[in-house]
Amino acid sequence: MPLICGYPTVTTNGQVTHVMVPIAEFEKMKGSAGAAPSASDIDDAVRTLNDPTESWQDADAVLANLLRDGLASVRKAHGLTQQELAQALDLSQPQVSRLEKSLDGATVRMLRRLATMFVGKTGP
C-alpha cells in the first residue's frame, strides 16, 4: 500500500483515490481550514524554520533544475520511481513518462505541482 506523507492510501484502478488520516489529524485539518493559525501553530512553524538541523530547498531553484535537467533526473535525485511520483501527483505512470520525455506540453499548473512535489524538507 503506497504512503503519502506517511499515511496509508486507498488505490482504485491503479490510482490513489484516498489518504487514510487519523481522525485527530482530520479534525485538526478540518478545524483549521480557512481559519487563521493559532499562536501555537505559529510557534511550531518558527521553531521548525529556525531549527539548524533542518534543511530546505528553494522553490525557484527546484523549478530551474526541473526545467534545466529534466524531470527524470530531478525525480531520480529525490530517490523516486516513476510510479511513486505518479501516485504522489495523482497521475498514471505513463503520464509521468510522457512528462519526462518533454515538459513542452505541460501546463503551468502541472509545472507548479511538480515543483511543489520536490520542495520542502530534505534529508533521510
Protein backbone atom coordinates (compact mmCIF):
# COMPACT_ATOMS: atom_id res chain seq x y z
CA MET A 1 0.00 0.00 0.00
CA PRO A 2 1.64 3.31 -1.04
CA LEU A 3 2.10 6.04 1.54
CA ILE A 4 1.58 9.77 1.09
CA CYS A 5 3.15 11.93 3.79
CA GLY A 6 3.44 8.78 5.88
CA TYR A 7 -0.26 7.91 5.70
CA PRO A 8 -1.64 4.76 4.03
CA THR A 9 -3.68 5.20 0.88
CA VAL A 10 -6.52 3.54 -0.99
CA THR A 11 -5.87 2.74 -4.64
CA THR A 12 -8.61 2.23 -7.23
CA ASN A 13 -7.75 1.16 -10.78
CA GLY A 14 -4.07 1.86 -10.13
CA GLN A 15 -4.70 5.42 -8.92
CA VAL A 16 -4.50 6.68 -5.34
CA THR A 17 -8.00 7.91 -4.51
CA HIS A 18 -7.91 8.39 -0.73
CA VAL A 19 -5.39 9.08 2.01
CA MET A 20 -6.20 7.45 5.36
CA VAL A 21 -5.60 10.10 8.01
CA PRO A 22 -6.18 9.51 11.74
CA ILE A 23 -9.38 11.18 12.93
CA ALA A 24 -7.46 13.53 15.25
CA GLU A 25 -5.40 14.78 12.29
CA PHE A 26 -8.54 15.07 10.16
CA GLU A 27 -10.30 17.12 12.84
CA LYS A 28 -7.25 19.36 13.14
CA MET A 29 -7.14 19.89 9.36
CA LYS A 30 -10.89 20.41 9.13
CA GLY A 31 -10.91 22.84 12.03
CA SER A 32 -8.08 24.90 10.60
CA ALA A 33 -9.42 25.09 7.04
CA GLY A 34 -9.81 28.78 6.32
CA ALA A 35 -9.02 29.75 9.90
CA ALA A 36 -6.08 31.86 10.99
CA PRO A 37 -3.24 29.83 12.50
CA SER A 38 -3.14 29.65 16.28
CA ALA A 39 -0.29 31.11 18.31
CA SER A 40 0.84 27.53 18.98
CA ASP A 41 0.86 26.75 15.23
CA ILE A 42 2.94 29.87 14.58
CA ASP A 43 5.37 29.00 17.38
CA ASP A 44 5.75 25.47 15.96
CA ALA A 45 6.42 26.85 12.48
CA VAL A 46 9.01 29.33 13.75
CA ARG A 47 10.76 26.58 15.74
CA THR A 48 10.90 24.39 12.64
CA LEU A 49 12.18 27.22 10.44
CA ASN A 50 14.86 28.15 12.98
CA ASP A 51 15.97 24.56 13.63
CA PRO A 52 19.57 24.31 12.37
CA THR A 53 19.20 20.55 11.82
CA GLU A 54 16.51 21.10 9.15
CA SER A 55 17.49 21.63 5.53
CA TRP A 56 15.27 23.25 2.92
CA GLN A 57 15.10 23.70 -0.82
CA ASP A 58 14.26 26.89 -2.64
CA ALA A 59 11.18 26.54 -4.90
CA ASP A 60 12.70 28.71 -7.64
CA ALA A 61 15.86 26.61 -7.64
CA VAL A 62 13.85 23.39 -7.87
CA LEU A 63 11.85 24.70 -10.83
CA ALA A 64 15.04 25.89 -12.53
CA ASN A 65 16.62 22.44 -12.03
CA LEU A 66 13.46 20.78 -13.27
CA LEU A 67 13.49 22.81 -16.47
CA ARG A 68 17.27 22.59 -16.95
CA ASP A 69 17.91 18.96 -16.04
CA GLY A 70 14.58 17.41 -16.92
CA LEU A 71 12.03 15.69 -14.76
CA ALA A 72 13.69 12.26 -14.85
CA SER A 73 16.97 13.46 -13.33
CA VAL A 74 15.20 15.52 -10.65
CA ARG A 75 12.92 12.56 -9.83
CA LYS A 76 15.89 10.19 -9.57
CA ALA A 77 17.83 12.68 -7.43
CA HIS A 78 14.93 12.53 -4.97
CA GLY A 79 15.01 8.71 -4.99
CA LEU A 80 11.58 8.26 -6.59
CA THR A 81 10.39 5.83 -9.23
CA GLN A 82 8.01 6.94 -11.97
CA GLN A 83 5.24 5.01 -10.21
CA GLU A 84 5.91 6.70 -6.85
CA LEU A 85 5.90 10.15 -8.46
CA ALA A 86 2.72 9.29 -10.34
CA GLN A 87 0.97 8.22 -7.13
CA ALA A 88 2.08 11.33 -5.26
CA LEU A 89 0.77 13.57 -8.07
CA ASP A 90 -2.37 11.50 -8.72
CA LEU A 91 -1.19 10.72 -12.26
CA SER A 92 -0.61 7.49 -14.12
CA GLN A 93 2.90 6.16 -14.65
CA PRO A 94 2.57 6.65 -18.45
CA GLN A 95 1.70 10.33 -17.83
CA VAL A 96 4.91 10.75 -15.82
CA SER A 97 6.84 9.02 -18.59
CA ARG A 98 5.42 11.46 -21.16
CA LEU A 99 6.32 14.43 -18.96
CA GLU A 100 9.85 13.08 -18.59
CA LYS A 101 10.21 12.96 -22.36
CA SER A 102 9.09 16.57 -22.74
CA LEU A 103 7.73 19.28 -20.47
CA ASP A 104 6.83 21.36 -23.53
CA GLY A 105 3.14 20.45 -23.30
CA ALA A 106 2.96 20.76 -19.51
CA THR A 107 0.58 23.36 -18.14
CA VAL A 108 1.68 25.98 -15.64
CA ARG A 109 -0.49 24.16 -13.10
CA MET A 110 1.40 20.90 -13.74
CA LEU A 111 4.78 22.64 -13.50
CA ARG A 112 3.72 24.10 -10.16
CA ARG A 113 2.59 20.66 -8.95
CA LEU A 114 5.93 19.16 -10.00
CA ALA A 115 7.95 21.91 -8.32
CA THR A 116 5.83 21.64 -5.17
CA MET A 117 6.43 17.89 -5.10
CA PHE A 118 10.19 18.44 -4.82
CA VAL A 119 10.19 21.47 -2.50
CA GLY A 120 10.41 21.25 1.25
CA LYS A 121 12.43 19.45 3.81
CA THR A 122 15.21 17.22 2.58
CA GLY A 123 17.15 14.54 4.30
CA PRO A 124 16.64 10.95 5.36
